[in-house]
Protein backbone atom coordinates (compact mmCIF):
# COMPACT_ATOMS: atom_id res chain seq x y z
CA MET A 1 14.32 -6.97 0.66
CA GLU A 2 17.63 -5.88 -0.91
CA LYS A 3 15.87 -3.92 -3.88
CA TRP A 4 13.54 -2.32 -1.55
CA ASN A 5 16.36 -1.10 0.64
CA LYS A 6 18.24 0.12 -2.34
CA PHE A 7 15.16 1.85 -3.64
CA PHE A 8 14.86 3.76 -0.30
CA ASN A 9 18.72 4.26 0.08
CA GLY A 10 18.37 3.35 3.73
CA GLU A 11 16.61 6.72 4.17
CA GLY A 12 13.30 8.04 3.73
CA ARG A 13 12.10 9.38 0.40
CA VAL A 14 10.89 13.04 0.72
CA VAL A 15 7.90 13.92 -1.27
CA ARG A 16 6.84 17.49 -1.94
CA SER A 17 3.53 17.17 -3.76
CA GLU A 18 0.70 14.63 -4.72
CA GLU A 19 2.23 14.35 -8.10
CA GLU A 20 5.72 13.23 -6.52
CA MET A 21 3.70 10.64 -4.15
CA ARG A 22 2.20 9.26 -7.45
CA GLU A 23 5.66 9.17 -8.98
CA LEU A 24 7.09 7.35 -6.07
CA GLY A 25 4.26 4.88 -6.36
CA ARG A 26 5.20 4.41 -9.88
CA GLY A 27 8.76 3.51 -9.04
CA LEU A 28 7.54 0.94 -6.26
CA ALA A 29 5.37 -0.74 -8.83
CA ALA A 30 8.58 -1.85 -10.65
CA LEU A 31 9.79 -3.78 -7.29
CA LEU A 32 6.26 -5.63 -6.82
CA GLU A 33 5.96 -9.39 -7.35
CA PRO A 34 3.10 -11.60 -7.13
CA GLY A 35 1.89 -12.04 -3.62
CA CYS A 36 3.57 -8.99 -2.24
CA VAL A 37 1.84 -7.38 0.72
CA LEU A 38 2.53 -3.70 1.26
CA GLY A 39 1.26 -2.23 4.57
CA LEU A 40 0.62 1.53 4.22
CA VAL A 41 0.66 3.54 7.48
CA GLY A 42 0.11 7.16 7.93
CA ASP A 43 -2.40 9.72 9.35
CA LEU A 44 -5.56 10.82 7.54
CA GLY A 45 -4.37 12.98 4.44
CA ALA A 46 -0.88 11.45 4.64
CA GLY A 47 -0.92 10.33 0.98
CA LYS A 48 -1.75 6.68 1.14
CA THR A 49 -4.41 6.70 -1.40
CA ARG A 50 -2.11 9.01 -3.81
CA LEU A 51 0.91 6.37 -3.32
CA VAL A 52 -1.54 3.52 -4.44
CA GLN A 53 -2.67 5.59 -7.50
CA GLY A 54 0.90 5.75 -8.55
CA VAL A 55 1.52 1.91 -8.03
CA LEU A 56 -1.45 1.22 -10.06
CA GLU A 57 -0.49 3.40 -12.83
CA GLY A 58 3.09 2.02 -12.88
CA LEU A 59 1.56 -1.52 -12.99
CA GLY A 60 -0.54 -0.29 -16.15
CA ALA A 61 -4.04 -0.70 -14.43
CA SER A 62 -6.67 1.03 -16.45
CA ALA A 63 -8.95 2.11 -13.66
CA PRO A 64 -7.59 4.72 -11.29
CA ALA A 65 -7.28 4.18 -7.54
CA VAL A 66 -10.07 5.67 -5.33
CA SER A 67 -10.13 5.47 -1.57
CA PRO A 68 -11.45 2.13 -0.82
CA THR A 69 -12.87 3.49 2.41
CA PHE A 70 -16.48 2.74 1.71
CA ALA A 71 -16.12 -0.41 -0.50
CA LEU A 72 -13.39 -1.74 1.74
CA VAL A 73 -11.59 -3.37 -1.05
CA HIS A 74 -11.17 -2.70 -4.75
CA GLU A 75 -9.71 -5.11 -7.25
CA HIS A 76 -7.52 -4.22 -10.34
CA ALA A 77 -6.83 -7.16 -12.67
CA ASP A 78 -5.66 -5.70 -15.81
CA GLY A 79 -2.14 -4.46 -15.07
CA ARG A 80 1.29 -6.22 -15.07
CA LEU A 81 0.20 -7.76 -11.83
CA PRO A 82 -3.30 -8.10 -10.29
CA VAL A 83 -3.97 -5.93 -7.14
CA ALA A 84 -6.31 -5.79 -4.44
CA HIS A 85 -6.47 -2.41 -2.66
CA PHE A 86 -7.88 -2.57 0.84
CA ASP A 87 -8.56 0.03 3.56
CA PHE A 88 -8.87 -1.08 7.16
CA TYR A 89 -9.66 2.25 8.51
CA ARG A 90 -13.58 1.69 8.83
CA MET A 91 -13.17 -1.93 9.93
CA SER A 92 -13.77 -2.50 13.79
CA SER A 93 -12.42 -5.92 13.97
CA PRO A 94 -10.11 -8.36 11.97
CA GLU A 95 -13.18 -10.46 11.54
CA GLU A 96 -14.45 -7.80 9.19
CA ALA A 97 -11.63 -8.23 6.92
CA LEU A 98 -11.80 -12.14 7.09
CA GLY A 99 -15.39 -11.62 5.98
CA LEU A 100 -14.32 -10.07 2.96
CA GLY A 101 -12.13 -13.04 2.10
CA TRP A 102 -8.90 -11.72 3.32
CA ASP A 103 -7.44 -15.33 3.71
CA ASP A 104 -8.51 -15.91 0.19
CA TYR A 105 -6.74 -12.84 -1.12
CA LEU A 106 -3.46 -13.65 0.82
CA SER A 107 -3.27 -17.15 -1.00
CA SER A 108 -4.22 -15.73 -4.45
CA GLY A 109 -0.97 -14.29 -5.48
CA LEU A 110 -2.49 -10.84 -5.99
CA VAL A 111 -0.47 -7.87 -4.66
CA LEU A 112 -2.12 -6.42 -1.76
CA LEU A 113 -1.88 -2.75 -0.83
CA VAL A 114 -3.46 -2.31 2.51
CA GLU A 115 -4.15 1.27 3.81
CA TRP A 116 -4.22 1.44 7.54
CA ALA A 117 -2.67 -2.01 7.80
CA ASP A 118 -1.30 -1.34 11.16
CA ARG A 119 -4.99 -1.27 12.77
CA PHE A 120 -4.86 -5.30 12.68
CA GLU A 121 -1.05 -6.04 11.83
CA GLY A 122 -0.88 -8.83 14.48
CA ALA A 123 -4.07 -10.50 13.62
CA LEU A 124 -4.03 -10.01 9.86
CA MET A 125 -0.73 -9.16 8.18
CA PRO A 126 1.54 -11.86 7.24
CA ARG A 127 5.11 -11.96 8.63
CA ASP A 128 6.64 -11.00 5.22
CA THR A 129 4.63 -7.70 4.83
CA LEU A 130 6.61 -4.70 3.58
CA TRP A 131 5.62 -1.72 5.86
CA LEU A 132 5.64 1.61 4.31
CA THR A 133 5.17 4.62 6.77
CA ILE A 134 4.19 8.07 5.56
CA GLU A 135 4.93 10.90 7.89
CA ARG A 136 3.98 14.33 7.51
CA SER A 137 6.79 16.89 8.11
CA SER A 138 5.03 20.02 7.03
CA GLU A 139 1.74 20.79 5.36
CA SER A 140 2.93 19.83 1.83
CA VAL A 141 6.10 17.63 2.82
CA ARG A 142 6.00 14.02 3.39
CA VAL A 143 8.41 11.38 4.15
CA VAL A 144 8.05 7.80 2.99
CA ARG A 145 10.21 5.26 4.89
CA LEU A 146 10.36 1.49 4.57
CA ALA A 147 10.10 0.24 8.03
CA GLY A 148 10.89 -3.21 6.87
CA VAL A 149 9.53 -6.64 7.22
CA VAL A 150 7.98 -7.40 10.72
């Protein structure tokens, strides 16, 4: 947790463009270890998928991240660490995620990047989830904060 707090300097990181959000994601990629679970929280259009794109770029994945809203999960296995990118937005219950093999993903050692993770946090998200919140402070400015481990 210390390296995450150091990365965020105890404050939120101000992001002023989509490219800066991707750059932040590339920086976060260096901190990831096998089995990390990042819960990404923010309104529609906050930049969650852009952040994931940067993480995947930072890990060296060959395929770009796309919003998994309709596929619900995308796997990226060719970077420094394998990743499963989830989107809970269109799921109506934790059982839908469980039906996708959520428990298997949790025990797989993959990095899990979960958009809209707060929808089922009590039911699905493990205790050591690292929570990142993305808040819109203006049309083009976002503040990304480490909300900590629940």
